[in-house]
N, C-alpha and C. Protein backbone atom coordinates (compact mmCIF):
# COMPACT_ATOMS: atom_id res chain seq x y z
N MET A 1 -5.72 -6.28 8.08
CA MET A 1 -6.10 -6.36 6.69
C MET A 1 -7.53 -6.91 6.64
N ASN A 2 -8.37 -6.28 5.87
CA ASN A 2 -9.76 -6.74 5.80
C ASN A 2 -9.89 -7.97 4.89
N TRP A 3 -11.04 -8.60 4.91
CA TRP A 3 -11.21 -9.86 4.19
C TRP A 3 -11.12 -9.69 2.68
N GLU A 4 -11.54 -8.52 2.15
CA GLU A 4 -11.45 -8.31 0.70
C GLU A 4 -9.99 -8.32 0.24
N LEU A 5 -9.14 -7.65 1.00
CA LEU A 5 -7.72 -7.64 0.62
C LEU A 5 -7.09 -9.01 0.78
N ARG A 6 -7.47 -9.73 1.83
CA ARG A 6 -6.94 -11.08 2.01
C ARG A 6 -7.30 -11.96 0.82
N TYR A 7 -8.54 -11.89 0.38
CA TYR A 7 -8.98 -12.69 -0.76
C TYR A 7 -8.26 -12.25 -2.03
N ALA A 8 -8.12 -10.96 -2.22
CA ALA A 8 -7.43 -10.46 -3.41
C ALA A 8 -5.99 -10.94 -3.45
N PHE A 9 -5.30 -10.93 -2.30
CA PHE A 9 -3.93 -11.41 -2.26
C PHE A 9 -3.84 -12.89 -2.61
N LEU A 10 -4.83 -13.67 -2.22
CA LEU A 10 -4.81 -15.09 -2.55
C LEU A 10 -4.99 -15.31 -4.05
N CYS A 11 -5.84 -14.52 -4.67
CA CYS A 11 -6.15 -14.71 -6.09
C CYS A 11 -5.16 -13.99 -7.01
N TYR A 12 -4.76 -12.80 -6.62
CA TYR A 12 -3.93 -11.96 -7.48
C TYR A 12 -2.82 -11.34 -6.64
N PRO A 13 -1.66 -11.97 -6.58
CA PRO A 13 -0.58 -11.38 -5.78
C PRO A 13 -0.17 -10.02 -6.34
N PHE A 14 -0.20 -9.03 -5.51
CA PHE A 14 0.17 -7.67 -5.92
C PHE A 14 0.73 -6.93 -4.73
N ALA A 15 1.44 -5.86 -5.00
CA ALA A 15 1.98 -5.01 -3.94
C ALA A 15 0.96 -3.93 -3.63
N SER A 16 0.99 -3.46 -2.39
CA SER A 16 0.06 -2.41 -2.00
C SER A 16 0.82 -1.16 -1.59
N ILE A 17 0.18 -0.01 -1.82
CA ILE A 17 0.75 1.28 -1.45
C ILE A 17 -0.13 1.89 -0.38
N GLY A 18 0.45 2.17 0.77
CA GLY A 18 -0.25 2.89 1.83
C GLY A 18 0.04 4.38 1.69
N VAL A 19 -0.95 5.21 1.92
CA VAL A 19 -0.75 6.66 1.79
C VAL A 19 -0.95 7.34 3.14
N THR A 20 0.01 8.17 3.53
CA THR A 20 -0.04 8.82 4.83
C THR A 20 -0.83 10.12 4.80
N TYR A 21 -1.30 10.52 3.63
CA TYR A 21 -2.07 11.76 3.54
C TYR A 21 -3.57 11.50 3.63
N GLY A 22 -3.95 10.31 4.05
CA GLY A 22 -5.35 9.95 4.29
C GLY A 22 -5.53 9.65 5.77
N TYR A 23 -6.23 8.58 6.05
CA TYR A 23 -6.44 8.16 7.43
C TYR A 23 -5.38 7.15 7.83
N GLY A 24 -4.94 7.19 9.05
CA GLY A 24 -3.98 6.22 9.55
C GLY A 24 -2.56 6.74 9.48
N THR A 25 -1.74 6.15 10.32
CA THR A 25 -0.34 6.53 10.39
C THR A 25 0.50 5.56 9.56
N GLU A 26 1.75 5.92 9.33
CA GLU A 26 2.65 5.04 8.59
C GLU A 26 2.81 3.71 9.32
N GLU A 27 2.88 3.75 10.63
CA GLU A 27 3.01 2.52 11.41
C GLU A 27 1.79 1.61 11.22
N GLU A 28 0.58 2.20 11.22
CA GLU A 28 -0.64 1.41 11.00
C GLU A 28 -0.65 0.81 9.60
N LEU A 29 -0.25 1.59 8.63
CA LEU A 29 -0.24 1.09 7.25
C LEU A 29 0.72 -0.09 7.11
N LYS A 30 1.91 0.04 7.68
CA LYS A 30 2.88 -1.05 7.63
C LYS A 30 2.37 -2.28 8.37
N ALA A 31 1.73 -2.06 9.52
CA ALA A 31 1.20 -3.18 10.31
C ALA A 31 0.11 -3.93 9.57
N HIS A 32 -0.59 -3.25 8.67
CA HIS A 32 -1.67 -3.89 7.91
C HIS A 32 -1.23 -4.34 6.53
N GLY A 33 0.08 -4.35 6.29
CA GLY A 33 0.59 -4.99 5.09
C GLY A 33 0.97 -4.10 3.93
N ALA A 34 1.05 -2.80 4.11
CA ALA A 34 1.46 -1.95 3.00
C ALA A 34 2.90 -2.28 2.61
N ASP A 35 3.11 -2.52 1.33
CA ASP A 35 4.45 -2.82 0.85
C ASP A 35 5.27 -1.54 0.67
N TRP A 36 4.62 -0.49 0.21
CA TRP A 36 5.27 0.78 -0.02
C TRP A 36 4.45 1.87 0.66
N ILE A 37 5.10 2.97 1.01
CA ILE A 37 4.43 4.09 1.67
C ILE A 37 4.61 5.34 0.82
N ALA A 38 3.50 6.02 0.51
CA ALA A 38 3.53 7.30 -0.20
C ALA A 38 3.12 8.39 0.78
N HIS A 39 3.90 9.45 0.81
CA HIS A 39 3.60 10.57 1.69
C HIS A 39 2.87 11.69 0.95
N SER A 40 2.83 11.61 -0.37
CA SER A 40 2.09 12.58 -1.19
C SER A 40 1.68 11.89 -2.48
N PRO A 41 0.68 12.43 -3.17
CA PRO A 41 0.26 11.80 -4.43
C PRO A 41 1.40 11.68 -5.45
N SER A 42 2.32 12.62 -5.42
CA SER A 42 3.42 12.57 -6.39
C SER A 42 4.40 11.43 -6.11
N ASP A 43 4.35 10.84 -4.93
CA ASP A 43 5.21 9.68 -4.62
C ASP A 43 4.75 8.42 -5.35
N ILE A 44 3.49 8.32 -5.67
CA ILE A 44 2.95 7.07 -6.22
C ILE A 44 3.57 6.70 -7.56
N PRO A 45 3.62 7.59 -8.55
CA PRO A 45 4.26 7.17 -9.81
C PRO A 45 5.72 6.75 -9.62
N ARG A 46 6.44 7.43 -8.76
CA ARG A 46 7.84 7.05 -8.52
C ARG A 46 7.94 5.66 -7.92
N LEU A 47 7.06 5.34 -6.99
CA LEU A 47 7.07 4.00 -6.38
C LEU A 47 6.75 2.93 -7.40
N VAL A 48 5.75 3.17 -8.22
CA VAL A 48 5.33 2.18 -9.20
C VAL A 48 6.40 1.97 -10.26
N ILE A 49 6.97 3.05 -10.78
CA ILE A 49 7.99 2.93 -11.82
C ILE A 49 9.25 2.28 -11.28
N ARG A 50 9.68 2.69 -10.09
CA ARG A 50 10.91 2.15 -9.50
C ARG A 50 10.78 0.66 -9.19
N ASN A 51 9.58 0.22 -8.85
CA ASN A 51 9.38 -1.17 -8.41
C ASN A 51 8.71 -2.05 -9.44
N SER A 52 8.65 -1.61 -10.68
CA SER A 52 8.00 -2.44 -11.70
C SER A 52 9.00 -3.25 -12.47
């Protein structure tokens, strides 16, 4: 996790979504703190609504 995200987590606790249709694998995203994983753009609204 880079320093910007570390600082953001300290100031504003929030969940993060890692996307597998960009750079990096699901394992890398999880290792760097992704709370949820989206495999396509259409997964994002479902993740946000289900977990809000």
